[in-house]
Each structure stands twice: as C-alpha cells, then as structure tokens.
Amino acid sequence: MCPLPWCGVMDRDTRNAAIAALSIMLLFGIAAFYLPTVMLALGSLSTVLAGIFGTMFVLAFFLVFWLRARSQRKNQGK
C-alpha cells in the first residue's frame, strides 16, 4: 500500500509528463532569475538587443511547451 495520495492516480505517461514539465519550469525559472542581469548588461551595449533577448526568452518558453505538446499528440496517434 502506497502512503502517498497520488500513487494510484498517476500512470507512467502522466508521471513522465509531470517530470518533464517540472524540469522545463525549473530550467526557465533559473534562467528568469538571471534574465534582468543579462538584459542590463546587453542594455549597456544596445537597448534594442536587450529587448530582443527578453522577447526571445519569453517566446522560447512557449515554444518549448508547444513543441512538447506537438510531440505528445504525434506519439499518441501511433
């Protein structure tokens, strides 16, 4: 008998999806922590470059989850 309340709820695919989402969130969370420092450094060179970097960071966050969802849908059809 499992003492954890979610033991019977998560199957293998659900657990793997949760682990992947947690890993991605942690990676982007750490990167977001350093984002202001990087943007200030880039802003001293070019404000446009700093803006582009910030925009690319946000787009990359959504791109990773979009690609993961697309991959999941493709694998589900097989």
N, C-alpha and C. Protein backbone atom coordinates (compact mmCIF):
# COMPACT_ATOMS: atom_id res chain seq x y z
N MET A 1 0.84 -1.18 0.00
CA MET A 1 0.00 0.00 0.00
C MET A 1 0.89 1.24 0.00
N CYS A 2 0.56 2.16 -0.88
CA CYS A 2 1.35 3.38 -1.03
C CYS A 2 0.86 4.45 -0.06
N PRO A 3 1.76 5.08 0.69
CA PRO A 3 1.33 6.10 1.64
C PRO A 3 1.03 7.45 0.98
N LEU A 4 1.44 7.63 -0.25
CA LEU A 4 1.23 8.91 -0.92
C LEU A 4 -0.13 8.95 -1.59
N PRO A 5 -0.83 10.08 -1.52
CA PRO A 5 -2.20 10.14 -2.05
C PRO A 5 -2.29 10.03 -3.57
N TRP A 6 -1.22 10.34 -4.29
CA TRP A 6 -1.29 10.32 -5.75
C TRP A 6 -0.74 9.03 -6.36
N CYS A 7 -0.40 8.05 -5.56
CA CYS A 7 0.19 6.82 -6.10
C CYS A 7 -0.74 6.11 -7.08
N GLY A 8 -2.00 6.05 -6.77
CA GLY A 8 -2.93 5.35 -7.65
C GLY A 8 -3.42 6.20 -8.79
N VAL A 9 -3.13 7.48 -8.79
CA VAL A 9 -3.67 8.39 -9.78
C VAL A 9 -2.77 8.51 -11.01
N MET A 10 -1.47 8.53 -10.82
CA MET A 10 -0.54 8.76 -11.92
C MET A 10 -0.11 7.47 -12.57
N ASP A 11 -0.32 7.41 -13.88
CA ASP A 11 0.24 6.29 -14.63
C ASP A 11 1.61 6.74 -15.16
N ARG A 12 2.24 5.90 -15.92
CA ARG A 12 3.60 6.17 -16.39
C ARG A 12 3.67 7.43 -17.26
N ASP A 13 2.73 7.57 -18.19
CA ASP A 13 2.74 8.72 -19.10
C ASP A 13 2.49 10.03 -18.35
N THR A 14 1.57 10.00 -17.41
CA THR A 14 1.26 11.20 -16.63
C THR A 14 2.46 11.61 -15.79
N ARG A 15 3.11 10.63 -15.17
CA ARG A 15 4.28 10.93 -14.34
C ARG A 15 5.41 11.51 -15.18
N ASN A 16 5.65 10.93 -16.36
CA ASN A 16 6.71 11.44 -17.24
C ASN A 16 6.41 12.86 -17.70
N ALA A 17 5.14 13.14 -18.02
CA ALA A 17 4.75 14.49 -18.43
C ALA A 17 4.96 15.48 -17.29
N ALA A 18 4.63 15.08 -16.07
CA ALA A 18 4.80 15.96 -14.91
C ALA A 18 6.28 16.22 -14.65
N ILE A 19 7.10 15.21 -14.78
CA ILE A 19 8.54 15.37 -14.57
C ILE A 19 9.13 16.28 -15.64
N ALA A 20 8.71 16.10 -16.89
CA ALA A 20 9.21 16.95 -17.97
C ALA A 20 8.79 18.40 -17.76
N ALA A 21 7.54 18.62 -17.38
CA ALA A 21 7.06 19.98 -17.14
C ALA A 21 7.81 20.62 -15.97
N LEU A 22 8.04 19.87 -14.91
CA LEU A 22 8.78 20.39 -13.77
C LEU A 22 10.21 20.75 -14.15
N SER A 23 10.84 19.90 -14.95
CA SER A 23 12.22 20.17 -15.39
C SER A 23 12.29 21.44 -16.23
N ILE A 24 11.34 21.58 -17.15
CA ILE A 24 11.32 22.76 -18.01
C ILE A 24 11.07 24.01 -17.18
N MET A 25 10.13 23.93 -16.25
CA MET A 25 9.82 25.09 -15.40
C MET A 25 11.02 25.48 -14.54
N LEU A 26 11.73 24.50 -13.99
CA LEU A 26 12.91 24.81 -13.19
C LEU A 26 14.01 25.45 -14.04
N LEU A 27 14.24 24.92 -15.23
CA LEU A 27 15.25 25.47 -16.12
C LEU A 27 14.94 26.92 -16.47
N PHE A 28 13.69 27.17 -16.86
CA PHE A 28 13.33 28.53 -17.22
C PHE A 28 13.24 29.43 -15.99
N GLY A 29 12.92 28.88 -14.83
CA GLY A 29 12.90 29.66 -13.61
C GLY A 29 14.29 30.16 -13.23
N ILE A 30 15.27 29.28 -13.36
CA ILE A 30 16.66 29.68 -13.08
C ILE A 30 17.12 30.72 -14.10
N ALA A 31 16.77 30.48 -15.36
CA ALA A 31 17.16 31.44 -16.40
C ALA A 31 16.47 32.79 -16.18
N ALA A 32 15.21 32.77 -15.75
CA ALA A 32 14.48 34.02 -15.50
C ALA A 32 15.08 34.79 -14.32
N PHE A 33 15.66 34.06 -13.38
CA PHE A 33 16.32 34.72 -12.24
C PHE A 33 17.49 35.58 -12.71
N TYR A 34 18.23 35.10 -13.71
CA TYR A 34 19.37 35.83 -14.24
C TYR A 34 19.03 36.74 -15.41
N LEU A 35 17.79 36.69 -15.89
CA LEU A 35 17.38 37.49 -17.05
C LEU A 35 17.60 38.99 -16.85
N PRO A 36 17.22 39.58 -15.71
CA PRO A 36 17.45 41.02 -15.55
C PRO A 36 18.93 41.40 -15.63
N THR A 37 19.80 40.59 -15.05
CA THR A 37 21.23 40.87 -15.09
C THR A 37 21.75 40.85 -16.52
N VAL A 38 21.32 39.85 -17.27
CA VAL A 38 21.76 39.73 -18.66
C VAL A 38 21.20 40.88 -19.49
N MET A 39 19.94 41.23 -19.25
CA MET A 39 19.33 42.32 -20.02
C MET A 39 19.98 43.67 -19.70
N LEU A 40 20.36 43.89 -18.44
CA LEU A 40 21.05 45.13 -18.10
C LEU A 40 22.42 45.19 -18.77
N ALA A 41 23.11 44.06 -18.80
CA ALA A 41 24.41 44.02 -19.47
C ALA A 41 24.26 44.27 -20.97
N LEU A 42 23.26 43.65 -21.58
CA LEU A 42 23.02 43.88 -23.00
C LEU A 42 22.52 45.30 -23.25
N GLY A 43 21.74 45.82 -22.31
CA GLY A 43 21.22 47.18 -22.46
C GLY A 43 22.30 48.23 -22.45
N SER A 44 23.42 47.94 -21.81
CA SER A 44 24.53 48.90 -21.84
C SER A 44 25.17 48.93 -23.24
N LEU A 45 25.02 47.85 -23.98
CA LEU A 45 25.51 47.83 -25.37
C LEU A 45 24.46 48.38 -26.33
N SER A 46 23.24 47.85 -26.20
CA SER A 46 22.16 48.26 -27.10
C SER A 46 20.82 47.93 -26.44
N THR A 47 19.96 48.92 -26.35
CA THR A 47 18.64 48.67 -25.75
C THR A 47 17.80 47.77 -26.65
N VAL A 48 18.00 47.88 -27.94
CA VAL A 48 17.27 47.02 -28.87
C VAL A 48 17.69 45.57 -28.68
N LEU A 49 18.96 45.34 -28.52
CA LEU A 49 19.47 43.99 -28.30
C LEU A 49 18.90 43.39 -27.01
N ALA A 50 18.83 44.19 -25.96
CA ALA A 50 18.26 43.73 -24.70
C ALA A 50 16.77 43.39 -24.87
N GLY A 51 16.05 44.21 -25.60
CA GLY A 51 14.63 43.94 -25.87
C GLY A 51 14.43 42.68 -26.68
N ILE A 52 15.26 42.48 -27.67
CA ILE A 52 15.18 41.27 -28.50
C ILE A 52 15.48 40.04 -27.66
N PHE A 53 16.48 40.13 -26.78
CA PHE A 53 16.83 39.00 -25.93
C PHE A 53 15.67 38.64 -24.99
N GLY A 54 15.05 39.63 -24.38
CA GLY A 54 13.91 39.37 -23.49
C GLY A 54 12.74 38.76 -24.23
N THR A 55 12.47 39.28 -25.42
CA THR A 55 11.38 38.74 -26.24
C THR A 55 11.66 37.30 -26.65
N MET A 56 12.89 37.02 -27.03
CA MET A 56 13.25 35.66 -27.42
C MET A 56 13.16 34.69 -26.24
N PHE A 57 13.48 35.17 -25.05
CA PHE A 57 13.37 34.33 -23.86
C PHE A 57 11.91 33.92 -23.63
N VAL A 58 11.01 34.88 -23.70
CA VAL A 58 9.59 34.59 -23.49
C VAL A 58 9.06 33.67 -24.59
N LEU A 59 9.43 33.94 -25.83
CA LEU A 59 8.99 33.08 -26.94
C LEU A 59 9.54 31.67 -26.81
N ALA A 60 10.78 31.53 -26.35
CA ALA A 60 11.38 30.21 -26.18
C ALA A 60 10.61 29.40 -25.13
N PHE A 61 10.15 30.08 -24.08
CA PHE A 61 9.38 29.40 -23.04
C PHE A 61 8.12 28.75 -23.63
N PHE A 62 7.38 29.51 -24.41
CA PHE A 62 6.17 28.97 -25.01
C PHE A 62 6.48 27.98 -26.12
N LEU A 63 7.56 28.19 -26.85
CA LEU A 63 7.95 27.28 -27.93
C LEU A 63 8.26 25.89 -27.40
N VAL A 64 8.94 25.81 -26.27
CA VAL A 64 9.28 24.51 -25.69
C VAL A 64 8.02 23.73 -25.34
N PHE A 65 7.05 24.38 -24.69
CA PHE A 65 5.82 23.68 -24.34
C PHE A 65 4.98 23.35 -25.57
N TRP A 66 5.00 24.20 -26.59
CA TRP A 66 4.26 23.91 -27.83
C TRP A 66 4.87 22.70 -28.53
N LEU A 67 6.20 22.65 -28.60
CA LEU A 67 6.85 21.50 -29.23
C LEU A 67 6.61 20.22 -28.45
N ARG A 68 6.60 20.31 -27.13
CA ARG A 68 6.33 19.12 -26.31
C ARG A 68 4.91 18.61 -26.53
N ALA A 69 3.95 19.53 -26.57
CA ALA A 69 2.56 19.14 -26.81
C ALA A 69 2.39 18.53 -28.20
N ARG A 70 3.07 19.11 -29.17
CA ARG A 70 3.00 18.58 -30.53
C ARG A 70 3.58 17.17 -30.60
N SER A 71 4.69 16.97 -29.90
CA SER A 71 5.31 15.65 -29.85
C SER A 71 4.40 14.63 -29.16
N GLN A 72 3.75 15.06 -28.10
CA GLN A 72 2.85 14.17 -27.38
C GLN A 72 1.67 13.75 -28.26
N ARG A 73 1.12 14.71 -29.02
CA ARG A 73 0.00 14.39 -29.90
C ARG A 73 0.43 13.43 -31.01
N LYS A 74 1.62 13.63 -31.53
CA LYS A 74 2.12 12.76 -32.60
C LYS A 74 2.33 11.33 -32.07
N ASN A 75 2.89 11.21 -30.87
CA ASN A 75 3.13 9.89 -30.29
C ASN A 75 1.84 9.21 -29.87
N GLN A 76 0.84 9.97 -29.55
CA GLN A 76 -0.44 9.41 -29.12
C GLN A 76 -1.18 8.75 -30.29
N GLY A 77 -0.95 9.26 -31.50
CA GLY A 77 -1.61 8.72 -32.67
C GLY A 77 -1.09 7.39 -33.13
N LYS A 78 0.09 6.98 -32.65
CA LYS A 78 0.69 5.71 -33.09
C LYS A 78 0.11 4.53 -32.36
